Amino acid sequence: MFTILLQPFPSQKNLKQTVAMGFIAGLFVFAVFYFIKPFGLQEYGNAKVAQIGLQYALVTIFISLAITLLMPYLFPRLFNEKHWKVWYEIIFLLVLILVIAMGNVLLTGYVFKVKLTTTFVFAIIKYTLAIGITPILLSVLLKQQSLLSKYSKEAKQIEEILVAPPVETKKEVVEEKIEEQYIPETIQLATIIIKGTNAIEKLELISNQFLYAEASDNYTTIHYIENELLQKALFRLPIKNLEAQTNIQETIFRCHKSFLVNLTQVAHISGNAQGYKLHLQNSTVEIPVSRTLNATIKEKFGSLRNNVA
């Protein structure tokens, strides 16, 4: 159980999914009020119950959207998917329902003229946790296993069409001397000239020397091969600008918002709950693939194989 809690989990949700989840939560709250009629609402007519239920639903929707959308924006490092784990997601969802509960406590005090004593507030928190923790645990764990199975299976299918034969990714420190690189004969190599924002930042490479690049804010670290050794260079250069400078070589692909990768260097592809991970022949770094690019990268590998056929 403890091992599962430390497994990777997707932290980034698209806007459509976030809005849908917020409205589903609000609809659930409205249904509870309208059909179960807690807090003695049986004494009210359906119209009044619907009005009260709508107020609680709106509070739920507003808080859900505010926290889910604003927190990753305000604390990007905390919500960086690279470090997001199953237990992070569980804690985040528990905090979310607690904040929703507190919002509804305040609304309860306003609607029903209830005095908000410390005892009352802590009772709400206790009941919220008691009710919420089981479904949250089950939903997160089931989702993690479902995504793990899905992406692992798809990764194996994609690996079958890799140009380079699969090799086991080494976890130990990479030897200074690189392995021999496999380049399909039909792939035309190009000279890439990379220029940073500063005039003195310039790097000229043959495209098969390029391994991958990783962005951090307005800086990008370029990893490459020179004289059979692994090298890296830090440029003041947004990755979108680097992408534009390397797009003359079809094998260099932006597979993630923070990564460019040379597809001919990919030796193995794996999958976890966050999506696909690319393992390179000459690096121990796992390159993530944005989930929105799953189909695209499969096509890319297929195109490379066709060039060799």
C-alpha atoms as a PDB file:
ATOM      1  CA  MET A   1       0.000   0.000   0.000  1.00  0.00           C
ATOM      2  CA  PHE A   2       2.793   2.418   0.962  1.00  0.00           C
ATOM      3  CA  THR A   3       4.560   1.681  -2.362  1.00  0.00           C
ATOM      4  CA  ILE A   4       1.429   2.601  -4.324  1.00  0.00           C
ATOM      5  CA  LEU A   5       1.167   5.930  -2.498  1.00  0.00           C
ATOM      6  CA  LEU A   6       4.649   6.825  -3.789  1.00  0.00           C
ATOM      7  CA  GLN A   7       3.792   6.046  -7.412  1.00  0.00           C
ATOM      8  CA  PRO A   8       3.590   8.878  -9.993  1.00  0.00           C
ATOM      9  CA  PHE A   9       0.182  10.427 -10.585  1.00  0.00           C
ATOM     10  CA  PRO A  10      -0.937  13.071 -13.103  1.00  0.00           C
ATOM     11  CA  SER A  11      -1.262  16.502 -11.525  1.00  0.00           C
ATOM     12  CA  GLN A  12      -2.217  18.508 -14.581  1.00  0.00           C
ATOM     13  CA  LYS A  13      -5.852  18.545 -15.652  1.00  0.00           C
ATOM     14  CA  ASN A  14      -7.134  20.353 -18.692  1.00  0.00           C
ATOM     15  CA  LEU A  15      -9.624  23.193 -18.335  1.00  0.00           C
ATOM     16  CA  LYS A  16     -12.535  21.203 -19.742  1.00  0.00           C
ATOM     17  CA  GLN A  17     -11.962  18.346 -17.301  1.00  0.00           C
ATOM     18  CA  THR A  18     -11.570  20.738 -14.354  1.00  0.00           C
ATOM     19  CA  VAL A  19     -14.792  22.611 -15.130  1.00  0.00           C
ATOM     20  CA  ALA A  20     -16.664  19.336 -15.633  1.00  0.00           C
ATOM     21  CA  MET A  21     -15.469  18.004 -12.258  1.00  0.00           C
ATOM     22  CA  GLY A  22     -16.528  21.219 -10.522  1.00  0.00           C
ATOM     23  CA  PHE A  23     -20.017  21.111 -11.995  1.00  0.00           C
ATOM     24  CA  ILE A  24     -20.420  17.399 -11.240  1.00  0.00           C
ATOM     25  CA  ALA A  25     -19.532  18.095  -7.589  1.00  0.00           C
ATOM     26  CA  GLY A  26     -22.049  20.952  -7.529  1.00  0.00           C
ATOM     27  CA  LEU A  27     -24.753  18.770  -9.096  1.00  0.00           C
ATOM     28  CA  PHE A  28     -24.096  16.079  -6.478  1.00  0.00           C
ATOM     29  CA  VAL A  29     -24.488  18.609  -3.654  1.00  0.00           C
ATOM     30  CA  PHE A  30     -27.701  19.947  -5.188  1.00  0.00           C
ATOM     31  CA  ALA A  31     -29.095  16.405  -5.500  1.00  0.00           C
ATOM     32  CA  VAL A  32     -28.325  15.685  -1.825  1.00  0.00           C
ATOM     33  CA  PHE A  33     -30.217  18.790  -0.718  1.00  0.00           C
ATOM     34  CA  TYR A  34     -33.144  18.366  -3.088  1.00  0.00           C
ATOM     35  CA  PHE A  35     -33.781  14.654  -2.635  1.00  0.00           C
ATOM     36  CA  ILE A  36     -32.474  13.885   0.890  1.00  0.00           C
ATOM     37  CA  LYS A  37     -33.430  17.272   2.387  1.00  0.00           C
ATOM     38  CA  PRO A  38     -30.951  17.480   5.319  1.00  0.00           C
ATOM     39  CA  PHE A  39     -31.065  20.097   8.098  1.00  0.00           C
ATOM     40  CA  GLY A  40     -34.830  19.740   8.451  1.00  0.00           C
ATOM     41  CA  LEU A  41     -35.579  20.908   4.915  1.00  0.00           C
ATOM     42  CA  GLN A  42     -38.589  18.586   4.786  1.00  0.00           C
ATOM     43  CA  GLU A  43     -40.561  21.476   6.267  1.00  0.00           C
ATOM     44  CA  TYR A  44     -39.932  23.610   3.161  1.00  0.00           C
ATOM     45  CA  GLY A  45     -41.538  23.379  -0.247  1.00  0.00           C
ATOM     46  CA  ASN A  46     -39.634  22.025  -3.238  1.00  0.00           C
ATOM     47  CA  ALA A  47     -39.024  25.491  -4.670  1.00  0.00           C
ATOM     48  CA  LYS A  48     -37.393  26.698  -1.433  1.00  0.00           C
ATOM     49  CA  VAL A  49     -35.361  23.492  -1.129  1.00  0.00           C
ATOM     50  CA  ALA A  50     -34.169  23.898  -4.725  1.00  0.00           C
ATOM     51  CA  GLN A  51     -33.140  27.505  -3.999  1.00  0.00           C
ATOM     52  CA  ILE A  52     -31.120  26.478  -0.936  1.00  0.00           C
ATOM     53  CA  GLY A  53     -29.610  23.498  -2.744  1.00  0.00           C
ATOM     54  CA  LEU A  54     -28.566  25.764  -5.611  1.00  0.00           C
ATOM     55  CA  GLN A  55     -26.750  28.070  -3.172  1.00  0.00           C
ATOM     56  CA  TYR A  56     -24.729  25.162  -1.756  1.00  0.00           C
ATOM     57  CA  ALA A  57     -24.051  23.855  -5.263  1.00  0.00           C
ATOM     58  CA  LEU A  58     -22.728  27.238  -6.410  1.00  0.00           C
ATOM     59  CA  VAL A  59     -20.418  27.495  -3.381  1.00  0.00           C
ATOM     60  CA  THR A  60     -19.117  23.997  -4.159  1.00  0.00           C
ATOM     61  CA  ILE A  61     -18.545  24.802  -7.840  1.00  0.00           C
ATOM     62  CA  PHE A  62     -16.834  28.128  -7.127  1.00  0.00           C
ATOM     63  CA  ILE A  63     -14.439  26.707  -4.515  1.00  0.00           C
ATOM     64  CA  SER A  64     -13.668  23.629  -6.646  1.00  0.00           C
ATOM     65  CA  LEU A  65     -12.786  25.729  -9.674  1.00  0.00           C
ATOM     66  CA  ALA A  66     -10.900  28.365  -7.676  1.00  0.00           C
ATOM     67  CA  ILE A  67      -8.641  25.873  -5.901  1.00  0.00           C
ATOM     68  CA  THR A  68      -8.134  23.482  -8.822  1.00  0.00           C
ATOM     69  CA  LEU A  69      -7.279  26.274 -11.256  1.00  0.00           C
ATOM     70  CA  LEU A  70      -5.484  28.781  -9.016  1.00  0.00           C
ATOM     71  CA  MET A  71      -3.342  26.551  -6.789  1.00  0.00           C
ATOM     72  CA  PRO A  72      -1.191  25.081  -9.622  1.00  0.00           C
ATOM     73  CA  TYR A  73      -0.801  28.612 -11.016  1.00  0.00           C
ATOM     74  CA  LEU A  74       0.234  30.115  -7.663  1.00  0.00           C
ATOM     75  CA  PHE A  75       2.480  27.195  -6.660  1.00  0.00           C
ATOM     76  CA  PRO A  76       3.853  25.744  -9.922  1.00  0.00           C
ATOM     77  CA  ARG A  77       6.798  23.997  -8.276  1.00  0.00           C
ATOM     78  CA  LEU A  78       4.576  22.194  -5.782  1.00  0.00           C
ATOM     79  CA  PHE A  79       2.232  21.021  -8.532  1.00  0.00           C
ATOM     80  CA  ASN A  80       5.021  20.083 -10.949  1.00  0.00           C
ATOM     81  CA  GLU A  81       3.939  16.750 -12.408  1.00  0.00           C
ATOM     82  CA  LYS A  82       7.521  15.540 -12.362  1.00  0.00           C
ATOM     83  CA  HIS A  83       7.258  15.156  -8.582  1.00  0.00           C
ATOM     84  CA  TRP A  84       3.503  14.567  -8.137  1.00  0.00           C
ATOM     85  CA  LYS A  85       2.651  11.292  -6.360  1.00  0.00           C
ATOM     86  CA  VAL A  86      -0.494   9.362  -5.471  1.00  0.00           C
ATOM     87  CA  TRP A  87      -0.432  10.580  -1.878  1.00  0.00           C
ATOM     88  CA  TYR A  88      -0.077  14.204  -3.058  1.00  0.00           C
ATOM     89  CA  GLU A  89      -3.316  13.799  -4.999  1.00  0.00           C
ATOM     90  CA  ILE A  90      -5.093  12.280  -1.988  1.00  0.00           C
ATOM     91  CA  ILE A  91      -3.994  15.121   0.312  1.00  0.00           C
ATOM     92  CA  PHE A  92      -4.952  17.726  -2.283  1.00  0.00           C
ATOM     93  CA  LEU A  93      -8.459  16.280  -2.682  1.00  0.00           C
ATOM     94  CA  LEU A  94      -8.931  16.065   1.096  1.00  0.00           C
ATOM     95  CA  VAL A  95      -7.903  19.713   1.452  1.00  0.00           C
ATOM     96  CA  LEU A  96     -10.300  20.588  -1.366  1.00  0.00           C
ATOM     97  CA  ILE A  97     -13.303  18.966   0.286  1.00  0.00           C
ATOM     98  CA  LEU A  98     -12.369  20.529   3.627  1.00  0.00           C
ATOM     99  CA  VAL A  99     -12.336  23.998   2.083  1.00  0.00           C
ATOM    100  CA  ILE A 100     -15.671  23.244   0.402  1.00  0.00           C
ATOM    101  CA  ALA A 101     -16.993  22.094   3.770  1.00  0.00           C
ATOM    102  CA  MET A 102     -15.865  25.338   5.412  1.00  0.00           C
ATOM    103  CA  GLY A 103     -17.509  27.345   2.644  1.00  0.00           C
ATOM    104  CA  ASN A 104     -20.738  25.453   3.231  1.00  0.00           C
ATOM    105  CA  VAL A 105     -20.393  25.973   6.992  1.00  0.00           C
ATOM    106  CA  LEU A 106     -20.374  29.717   6.413  1.00  0.00           C
ATOM    107  CA  LEU A 107     -23.356  29.393   4.088  1.00  0.00           C
ATOM    108  CA  THR A 108     -25.190  27.299   6.686  1.00  0.00           C
ATOM    109  CA  GLY A 109     -24.664  30.004   9.269  1.00  0.00           C
ATOM    110  CA  TYR A 110     -26.112  32.564   6.866  1.00  0.00           C
ATOM    111  CA  VAL A 111     -29.077  30.521   5.565  1.00  0.00           C
ATOM    112  CA  PHE A 112     -30.171  28.848   8.790  1.00  0.00           C
ATOM    113  CA  LYS A 113     -28.948  31.537  11.208  1.00  0.00           C
ATOM    114  CA  VAL A 114     -26.757  28.968  12.982  1.00  0.00           C
ATOM    115  CA  LYS A 115     -24.155  30.227  15.451  1.00  0.00           C
ATOM    116  CA  LEU A 116     -20.767  29.022  14.189  1.00  0.00           C
ATOM    117  CA  THR A 117     -19.175  27.714  17.354  1.00  0.00           C
ATOM    118  CA  THR A 118     -15.816  25.957  17.438  1.00  0.00           C
ATOM    119  CA  THR A 119     -17.566  22.704  18.338  1.00  0.00           C
ATOM    120  CA  PHE A 120     -19.880  23.013  15.337  1.00  0.00           C
ATOM    121  CA  VAL A 121     -17.038  23.780  12.920  1.00  0.00           C
ATOM    122  CA  PHE A 122     -14.877  20.885  14.121  1.00  0.00           C
ATOM    123  CA  ALA A 123     -17.873  18.570  13.905  1.00  0.00           C
ATOM    124  CA  ILE A 124     -18.315  19.538  10.244  1.00  0.00           C
ATOM    125  CA  ILE A 125     -14.608  18.922   9.578  1.00  0.00           C
ATOM    126  CA  LYS A 126     -14.744  15.530  11.294  1.00  0.00           C
ATOM    127  CA  TYR A 127     -17.803  14.395   9.384  1.00  0.00           C
ATOM    128  CA  THR A 128     -16.418  15.698   6.105  1.00  0.00           C
ATOM    129  CA  LEU A 129     -13.197  13.726   6.517  1.00  0.00           C
ATOM    130  CA  ALA A 130     -15.055  10.612   7.661  1.00  0.00           C
ATOM    131  CA  ILE A 131     -17.353  10.715   4.651  1.00  0.00           C
ATOM    132  CA  GLY A 132     -14.788  11.858   2.081  1.00  0.00           C
ATOM    133  CA  ILE A 133     -11.634   9.871   2.775  1.00  0.00           C
ATOM    134  CA  THR A 134     -12.872   6.454   1.615  1.00  0.00           C
ATOM    135  CA  PRO A 135     -14.232   7.502  -1.801  1.00  0.00           C
ATOM    136  CA  ILE A 136     -11.164   9.698  -2.383  1.00  0.00           C
ATOM    137  CA  LEU A 137      -8.765   6.846  -1.594  1.00  0.00           C
ATOM    138  CA  LEU A 138     -10.658   4.413  -3.787  1.00  0.00           C
ATOM    139  CA  SER A 139     -11.048   6.809  -6.717  1.00  0.00           C
ATOM    140  CA  VAL A 140      -7.376   7.859  -6.743  1.00  0.00           C
ATOM    141  CA  LEU A 141      -6.006   4.323  -6.333  1.00  0.00           C
ATOM    142  CA  LEU A 142      -8.318   2.899  -8.997  1.00  0.00           C
ATOM    143  CA  LYS A 143      -7.444   5.730 -11.377  1.00  0.00           C
ATOM    144  CA  GLN A 144      -3.715   5.219 -10.794  1.00  0.00           C
ATOM    145  CA  GLN A 145      -3.961   1.501 -11.574  1.00  0.00           C
ATOM    146  CA  SER A 146      -6.152   2.126 -14.611  1.00  0.00           C
ATOM    147  CA  LEU A 147      -3.788   4.746 -16.080  1.00  0.00           C
ATOM    148  CA  LEU A 148      -0.718   2.626 -15.289  1.00  0.00           C
ATOM    149  CA  SER A 149      -2.200  -0.352 -17.123  1.00  0.00           C
ATOM    150  CA  LYS A 150      -3.309   1.791 -20.064  1.00  0.00           C
ATOM    151  CA  TYR A 151      -0.046   3.641 -20.669  1.00  0.00           C
ATOM    152  CA  SER A 152       2.166   0.612 -19.990  1.00  0.00           C
ATOM    153  CA  LYS A 153       0.248  -1.401 -22.578  1.00  0.00           C
ATOM    154  CA  GLU A 154       0.315   1.402 -25.145  1.00  0.00           C
ATOM    155  CA  ALA A 155       4.029   2.016 -24.531  1.00  0.00           C
ATOM    156  CA  LYS A 156       4.796  -1.614 -25.363  1.00  0.00           C
ATOM    157  CA  GLN A 157       2.824  -1.289 -28.586  1.00  0.00           C
ATOM    158  CA  ILE A 158       4.750   1.845 -29.569  1.00  0.00           C
ATOM    159  CA  GLU A 159       8.063   0.253 -28.644  1.00  0.00           C
ATOM    160  CA  GLU A 160       7.442  -2.412 -31.277  1.00  0.00           C
ATOM    161  CA  ILE A 161       7.833   0.239 -33.970  1.00  0.00           C
ATOM    162  CA  LEU A 162      10.948   1.897 -32.569  1.00  0.00           C
ATOM    163  CA  VAL A 163      13.668   2.279 -35.170  1.00  0.00           C
ATOM    164  CA  ALA A 164      16.416   1.377 -32.708  1.00  0.00           C
ATOM    165  CA  PRO A 165      16.192  -2.073 -31.091  1.00  0.00           C
ATOM    166  CA  PRO A 166      14.992  -1.864 -27.448  1.00  0.00           C
ATOM    167  CA  VAL A 167      17.725  -1.946 -24.842  1.00  0.00           C
ATOM    168  CA  GLU A 168      17.421  -2.090 -21.091  1.00  0.00           C
ATOM    169  CA  THR A 169      17.681   1.367 -19.537  1.00  0.00           C
ATOM    170  CA  LYS A 170      20.662   1.589 -17.210  1.00  0.00           C
ATOM    171  CA  LYS A 171      20.035   3.162 -13.828  1.00  0.00           C
ATOM    172  CA  GLU A 172      23.693   3.436 -12.891  1.00  0.00           C
ATOM    173  CA  VAL A 173      25.843   6.412 -13.828  1.00  0.00           C
ATOM    174  CA  VAL A 174      26.393   6.641 -17.590  1.00  0.00           C
ATOM    175  CA  GLU A 175      29.898   5.850 -18.765  1.00  0.00           C
ATOM    176  CA  GLU A 176      31.750   8.846 -20.080  1.00  0.00           C
ATOM    177  CA  LYS A 177      32.205   7.228 -23.475  1.00  0.00           C
ATOM    178  CA  ILE A 178      28.878   7.030 -25.277  1.00  0.00           C
ATOM    179  CA  GLU A 179      27.352   4.022 -26.973  1.00  0.00           C
ATOM    180  CA  GLU A 180      27.373   3.826 -30.738  1.00  0.00           C
ATOM    181  CA  GLN A 181      24.373   5.712 -32.066  1.00  0.00           C
ATOM    182  CA  TYR A 182      21.981   4.143 -34.553  1.00  0.00           C
ATOM    183  CA  ILE A 183      20.818   6.428 -37.366  1.00  0.00           C
ATOM    184  CA  PRO A 184      18.569   5.150 -40.178  1.00  0.00           C
ATOM    185  CA  GLU A 185      20.413   5.472 -43.469  1.00  0.00           C
ATOM    186  CA  THR A 186      17.515   7.330 -45.076  1.00  0.00           C
ATOM    187  CA  ILE A 187      17.470  10.054 -42.407  1.00  0.00           C
ATOM    188  CA  GLN A 188      19.304  13.084 -43.745  1.00  0.00           C
ATOM    189  CA  LEU A 189      21.514  14.722 -41.168  1.00  0.00           C
ATOM    190  CA  ALA A 190      21.510  18.506 -40.952  1.00  0.00           C
ATOM    191  CA  THR A 191      23.708  21.134 -39.377  1.00  0.00           C
ATOM    192  CA  ILE A 192      21.928  22.860 -36.502  1.00  0.00           C
ATOM    193  CA  ILE A 193      23.069  26.280 -35.375  1.00  0.00           C
ATOM    194  CA  ILE A 194      21.698  27.207 -31.951  1.00  0.00           C
ATOM    195  CA  LYS A 195      21.853  30.834 -30.869  1.00  0.00           C
ATOM    196  CA  GLY A 196      20.899  32.098 -27.440  1.00  0.00           C
ATOM    197  CA  THR A 197      19.616  35.504 -26.404  1.00  0.00           C
ATOM    198  CA  ASN A 198      23.139  36.578 -25.522  1.00  0.00           C
ATOM    199  CA  ALA A 199      25.368  37.166 -28.537  1.00  0.00           C
ATOM    200  CA  ILE A 200      28.121  34.891 -27.210  1.00  0.00           C
ATOM    201  CA  GLU A 201      25.773  31.903 -26.876  1.00  0.00           C
ATOM    202  CA  LYS A 202      26.200  29.808 -30.001  1.00  0.00           C
ATOM    203  CA  LEU A 203      26.411  26.068 -30.579  1.00  0.00           C
ATOM    204  CA  GLU A 204      26.823  24.299 -33.915  1.00  0.00           C
ATOM    205  CA  LEU A 205      25.900  20.611 -34.070  1.00  0.00           C
ATOM    206  CA  ILE A 206      25.274  17.891 -36.606  1.00  0.00           C
ATOM    207  CA  SER A 207      21.720  16.800 -35.841  1.00  0.00           C
ATOM    208  CA  ASN A 208      22.719  13.310 -34.668  1.00  0.00           C
ATOM    209  CA  GLN A 209      24.831  14.938 -31.914  1.00  0.00           C
ATOM    210  CA  PHE A 210      21.710  16.392 -30.284  1.00  0.00           C
ATOM    211  CA  LEU A 211      20.259  14.239 -27.490  1.00  0.00           C
ATOM    212  CA  TYR A 212      17.615  16.321 -25.734  1.00  0.00           C
ATOM    213  CA  ALA A 213      16.949  19.743 -24.267  1.00  0.00           C
ATOM    214  CA  GLU A 214      15.171  20.645 -21.038  1.00  0.00           C
ATOM    215  CA  ALA A 215      13.652  24.054 -20.333  1.00  0.00           C
ATOM    216  CA  SER A 216      13.418  25.939 -17.059  1.00  0.00           C
ATOM    217  CA  ASP A 217      11.675  29.311 -17.372  1.00  0.00           C
ATOM    218  CA  ASN A 218      13.613  31.306 -19.980  1.00  0.00           C
ATOM    219  CA  TYR A 219      16.638  29.022 -19.878  1.00  0.00           C
ATOM    220  CA  THR A 220      17.208  25.754 -21.729  1.00  0.00           C
ATOM    221  CA  THR A 221      19.872  23.127 -21.090  1.00  0.00           C
ATOM    222  CA  ILE A 222      21.007  21.363 -24.264  1.00  0.00           C
ATOM    223  CA  HIS A 223      22.450  17.858 -23.933  1.00  0.00           C
ATOM    224  CA  TYR A 224      24.569  16.666 -26.846  1.00  0.00           C
ATOM    225  CA  ILE A 225      27.484  14.474 -27.930  1.00  0.00           C
ATOM    226  CA  GLU A 226      30.893  15.860 -28.786  1.00  0.00           C
ATOM    227  CA  ASN A 227      34.066  13.829 -29.333  1.00  0.00           C
ATOM    228  CA  GLU A 228      32.194  10.752 -28.104  1.00  0.00           C
ATOM    229  CA  LEU A 229      31.480  12.386 -24.736  1.00  0.00           C
ATOM    230  CA  LEU A 230      28.236  13.626 -23.238  1.00  0.00           C
ATOM    231  CA  GLN A 231      28.122  17.421 -22.984  1.00  0.00           C
ATOM    232  CA  LYS A 232      25.611  20.031 -21.927  1.00  0.00           C
ATOM    233  CA  ALA A 233      25.233  23.776 -22.429  1.00  0.00           C
ATOM    234  CA  LEU A 234      22.935  26.225 -20.655  1.00  0.00           C
ATOM    235  CA  PHE A 235      21.460  28.898 -22.934  1.00  0.00           C
ATOM    236  CA  ARG A 236      19.283  31.871 -22.123  1.00  0.00           C
ATOM    237  CA  LEU A 237      16.737  30.717 -24.661  1.00  0.00           C
ATOM    238  CA  PRO A 238      13.027  29.802 -24.383  1.00  0.00           C
ATOM    239  CA  ILE A 239      12.433  26.267 -25.576  1.00  0.00           C
ATOM    240  CA  LYS A 240       9.959  27.431 -28.232  1.00  0.00           C
ATOM    241  CA  ASN A 241      12.815  29.412 -29.829  1.00  0.00           C
ATOM    242  CA  LEU A 242      15.075  26.370 -29.678  1.00  0.00           C
ATOM    243  CA  GLU A 243      12.307  24.322 -31.300  1.00  0.00           C
ATOM    244  CA  ALA A 244      12.186  26.823 -34.159  1.00  0.00           C
ATOM    245  CA  GLN A 245      15.972  26.602 -34.601  1.00  0.00           C
ATOM    246  CA  THR A 246      15.972  22.783 -34.713  1.00  0.00           C
ATOM    247  CA  ASN A 247      12.874  22.186 -36.836  1.00  0.00           C
ATOM    248  CA  ILE A 248      15.027  21.631 -39.938  1.00  0.00           C
ATOM    249  CA  GLN A 249      15.646  18.104 -38.558  1.00  0.00           C
ATOM    250  CA  GLU A 250      12.521  15.931 -38.552  1.00  0.00           C
ATOM    251  CA  THR A 251      13.842  13.579 -35.864  1.00  0.00           C
ATOM    252  CA  ILE A 252      14.009  16.359 -33.241  1.00  0.00           C
ATOM    253  CA  PHE A 253      10.585  16.604 -31.662  1.00  0.00           C
ATOM    254  CA  ARG A 254       9.062  18.663 -28.856  1.00  0.00           C
ATOM    255  CA  CYS A 255       7.390  15.873 -26.919  1.00  0.00           C
ATOM    256  CA  HIS A 256       6.564  17.962 -23.839  1.00  0.00           C
ATOM    257  CA  LYS A 257       6.260  21.635 -22.955  1.00  0.00           C
ATOM    258  CA  SER A 258       9.701  21.431 -21.301  1.00  0.00           C
ATOM    259  CA  PHE A 259      11.505  18.896 -23.497  1.00  0.00           C
ATOM    260  CA  LEU A 260      12.880  18.505 -27.020  1.00  0.00           C
ATOM    261  CA  VAL A 261      14.194  15.040 -27.871  1.00  0.00           C
ATOM    262  CA  ASN A 262      16.072  13.361 -30.714  1.00  0.00           C
ATOM    263  CA  LEU A 263      13.840  10.392 -31.565  1.00  0.00           C
ATOM    264  CA  THR A 264      16.729   8.428 -33.074  1.00  0.00           C
ATOM    265  CA  GLN A 265      18.261   8.331 -29.589  1.00  0.00           C
ATOM    266  CA  VAL A 266      15.230   6.623 -28.014  1.00  0.00           C
ATOM    267  CA  ALA A 267      16.092   3.067 -27.006  1.00  0.00           C
ATOM    268  CA  HIS A 268      13.106   2.182 -24.865  1.00  0.00           C
ATOM    269  CA  ILE A 269       9.657   3.562 -24.035  1.00  0.00           C
ATOM    270  CA  SER A 270       7.751   2.862 -20.841  1.00  0.00           C
ATOM    271  CA  GLY A 271       4.499   4.051 -19.330  1.00  0.00           C
ATOM    272  CA  ASN A 272       3.158   4.955 -15.905  1.00  0.00           C
ATOM    273  CA  ALA A 273       0.052   6.762 -14.655  1.00  0.00           C
ATOM    274  CA  GLN A 274       1.412  10.078 -15.947  1.00  0.00           C
ATOM    275  CA  GLY A 275       1.885   8.826 -19.508  1.00  0.00           C
ATOM    276  CA  TYR A 276       4.796   7.725 -21.681  1.00  0.00           C
ATOM    277  CA  LYS A 277       8.475   8.018 -20.723  1.00  0.00           C
ATOM    278  CA  LEU A 278      11.249   7.965 -23.309  1.00  0.00           C
ATOM    279  CA  HIS A 279      14.559   6.332 -22.316  1.00  0.00           C
ATOM    280  CA  LEU A 280      17.586   7.379 -24.345  1.00  0.00           C
ATOM    281  CA  GLN A 281      20.588   5.267 -25.379  1.00  0.00           C
ATOM    282  CA  ASN A 282      23.095   7.631 -23.832  1.00  0.00           C
ATOM    283  CA  SER A 283      21.301   9.078 -20.819  1.00  0.00           C
ATOM    284  CA  THR A 284      19.557   7.879 -17.667  1.00  0.00           C
ATOM    285  CA  VAL A 285      17.041  10.758 -17.832  1.00  0.00           C
ATOM    286  CA  GLU A 286      13.430   9.755 -18.516  1.00  0.00           C
ATOM    287  CA  ILE A 287      11.873  12.161 -21.022  1.00  0.00           C
ATOM    288  CA  PRO A 288       8.124  12.675 -20.428  1.00  0.00           C
ATOM    289  CA  VAL A 289       5.630  12.816 -23.285  1.00  0.00           C
ATOM    290  CA  SER A 290       2.637  15.138 -22.989  1.00  0.00           C
ATOM    291  CA  ARG A 291      -0.535  13.063 -22.960  1.00  0.00           C
ATOM    292  CA  THR A 292      -1.979  15.228 -25.715  1.00  0.00           C
ATOM    293  CA  LEU A 293       0.895  14.077 -27.959  1.00  0.00           C
ATOM    294  CA  ASN A 294       0.467  10.317 -27.457  1.00  0.00           C
ATOM    295  CA  ALA A 295      -0.942   9.749 -30.949  1.00  0.00           C
ATOM    296  CA  THR A 296       1.557  12.157 -32.523  1.00  0.00           C
ATOM    297  CA  ILE A 297       4.635  10.450 -31.133  1.00  0.00           C
ATOM    298  CA  LYS A 298       3.346   7.071 -32.266  1.00  0.00           C
ATOM    299  CA  GLU A 299       3.035   8.505 -35.775  1.00  0.00           C
ATOM    300  CA  LYS A 300       6.558   9.949 -35.507  1.00  0.00           C
ATOM    301  CA  PHE A 301       8.077   6.563 -34.699  1.00  0.00           C
ATOM    302  CA  GLY A 302       6.018   4.961 -37.441  1.00  0.00           C
ATOM    303  CA  SER A 303       7.299   7.513 -39.928  1.00  0.00           C
ATOM    304  CA  LEU A 304      10.905   6.848 -38.889  1.00  0.00           C
ATOM    305  CA  ARG A 305      10.421   3.110 -39.362  1.00  0.00           C
ATOM    306  CA  ASN A 306       8.896   3.655 -42.779  1.00  0.00           C
ATOM    307  CA  ASN A 307      11.976   5.651 -43.782  1.00  0.00           C
ATOM    308  CA  VAL A 308      14.107   2.632 -43.007  1.00  0.00           C
ATOM    309  CA  ALA A 309      11.813   0.081 -44.641  1.00  0.00           C
END
